Amino acid sequence: MKLNSIAAIFALSGVTLSVNAAVYQVAEVNNTSTHTQSVAVDINNNGTMVGSQSGRFNFPIDYVNLDYTNATIASIESVEDVKAGTINADALATIKLYLKPPITRLDPTPVIYNTPTAQKVGDNSVFILKQSGLEQQVIFDVEEPALNNSLTYSTFDYVTAINNNGIFVGFASDPYQQIQFTTTPTDDTDPVDRVLWESEFGKRGFYVVNGEAFPVMPEDTSHGGNSGVLDISDSGYMVGYSSVSVLSFFPTLVENCDENLLPLTVCEWSLKGGHLSYNSFGDEPYQIRAYRWKLDENNQIVESTNLGLALTPEADSSTKYTSVALAVNEAGTAVGYSSALFVEGEERVLTYPAIFNNGEVLDFIDHTDISGGRATDINDNNTVVGYISKRVNGFFRTKFFTYDIATEQTTFPSDFFNGSASIPHAINNLGQVVGEGEVETQTQVTRRRHGFLYDINTDTFTDLNDFLACDSPYTIVSGRGINDNGEISATALVTVEQKDEKGEVVKDDDGNTVMVDTLRAIKLTPIANGEKEECGTPDNVQTERKGASIFWPFGLLLLGALGFRRRS
């Protein structure tokens, strides 16, 4: 069964889509009146869930300052209407694509985003699903007069965790606000009035209490600085990362900024790579270190601790090293990853799983035949989960592991099949792990993935799709969080009615509704006395286990690049 025209009715915040009972009941989480898709992140023991939405309808455009000399904009069929402020769905789609940031330096998208005169498209927002319904949380965004006092929607907001007290954390970028700037005249040039979009930092950690977002400042705020909060415990420990110093080359570059031509913040933004300032560490001019903060009973930060590195750099070293804490338990023990020597005594440095505890950084995985990895979560029993990268059948694959701090034992459970890449995202206090893994045996670069549930106690690894009814319209592609009640936050593919940039249903030339596969956050709730159904394997799926499979854009699952995980 595929989701048809009733999708718009069922795909409201937290509304359950009724399917034949199996092991889990599915509730889809997406506001279909405002966004096209959503992805899940975390769920606490109260069943409160957080995640992200993207693909906002009716995106506000500063049509007055669009570059109408650009070929892309000039080619819009209704360009004269656009100049008058009337923008239809096709024109809006073209303008958003023109303005959107490329994901990497290899993205063929024209880098208009890196031009300070261009409006910025962020289009990634945070949601929280409570018993009362779905709410969008504004982090640092502000109203912009040039956009009719709409929010700028230029920020990239990522939620990473929620604790059982309802405090949730993450990181977000500073909004781009329009400024008027006049260049300084010289003997040879006249002053020029310019309309620019200005932002002061690329990433800043935050925590939200009762709907109010509070920034978590980095240790070093030079040239903006960067920070992020990636987990929070009920005891008030928050962990993540912070800039601790600026790389020596960057201030020299900044000295060449001419403030007669550009404001200093705009020049620095350009030097830091523009669009790349929010989505990677590789292009940032900072030394980044794992960090832990402590909240008191009034939810104020009272402690800030640099958790260090797994190696000791030379005193005069200018090499960039990185450590990041991805998770923390109630005792304050954190896990994540750190730059570390591949082999002691050699200069080769890679990124390996790390435990941060009592002022020490433990690089606990044997590096033999391993080219890096990350510890993604830890529970209150000091069981750590994560993944390493190694060659399997000639290809680098990520393989997930569990590690017991007390016994110092590392285990690599069997996943979908030997050549499958697998990543665990979360572990609860009952030893249940959720994550995602490849289910196709072909060796192409991008292989389809399914969410999984692994039980440490029984050494049982199961495709999450096997827990759904056979006629479920969902294909679960990632398990993101699991609480101590066994409830799971997950992301799934589902077939829905396609909508245009205005939020209207798209029809083909014959008047039929166009259907598309899209990502949706879902909440999985265990069904009392539920049993797995025997569904068989679809003929068109080449896997070594059961489970429906639809091609899905794995790159759209946010936060994966930094290894973010979730647990409650």
Foldseek 3Di string as FASTA:
>chain_A
DADEPCCLVQQFFQRWDDDPFFFWTKHFHDHLQFADAWFWFAAAPQRKTKTKTFHGFPQFDLLCQDDCVDPLLVPPPVNVVSNVVDADQVNVVSLCQQQEDAPDPPRPRPHPLLPQQGQAAQGMWMWMQDPVGIDTADAQWFFAVSRVRDTSNRKHWGWAAAYPVGKTKWKMFHFWYWDWDWFDADPVGDIDIGIGTFGQAQIWIWIDDPRYIDTDAALDCPSHWHWIWRYAYPQFKTKWKTFNDFQPVLVVVLVPDDCSVPNSNSSSCSQLPNVVRHPDDPSGRTQMFIKMFGADPVRDTDDIDGLDAQDDDDPPDSDHWYWIWQEAENVGKTKWWTWDALDPPDDDIAIAIWIRPPSHIDRQDNSVQWRYWIFAYAYPQRKIKIWTWGDDPRDTAIFMWIARPVVSDIDGAQEQHRPKHWTWFEAEPQQKTKWKIFFAPDDDPDGAMFIWIAHPVVSDIGGPQQRDDLPDQWGWRTFFEAYPQGKTKTKTKHKYFDATSNSHGDADPVRHTDIDIHITIMIIHTDVVRHGDDNDADPPGHGSDHGDTDDDDVVPNPPVVSSHGYYD
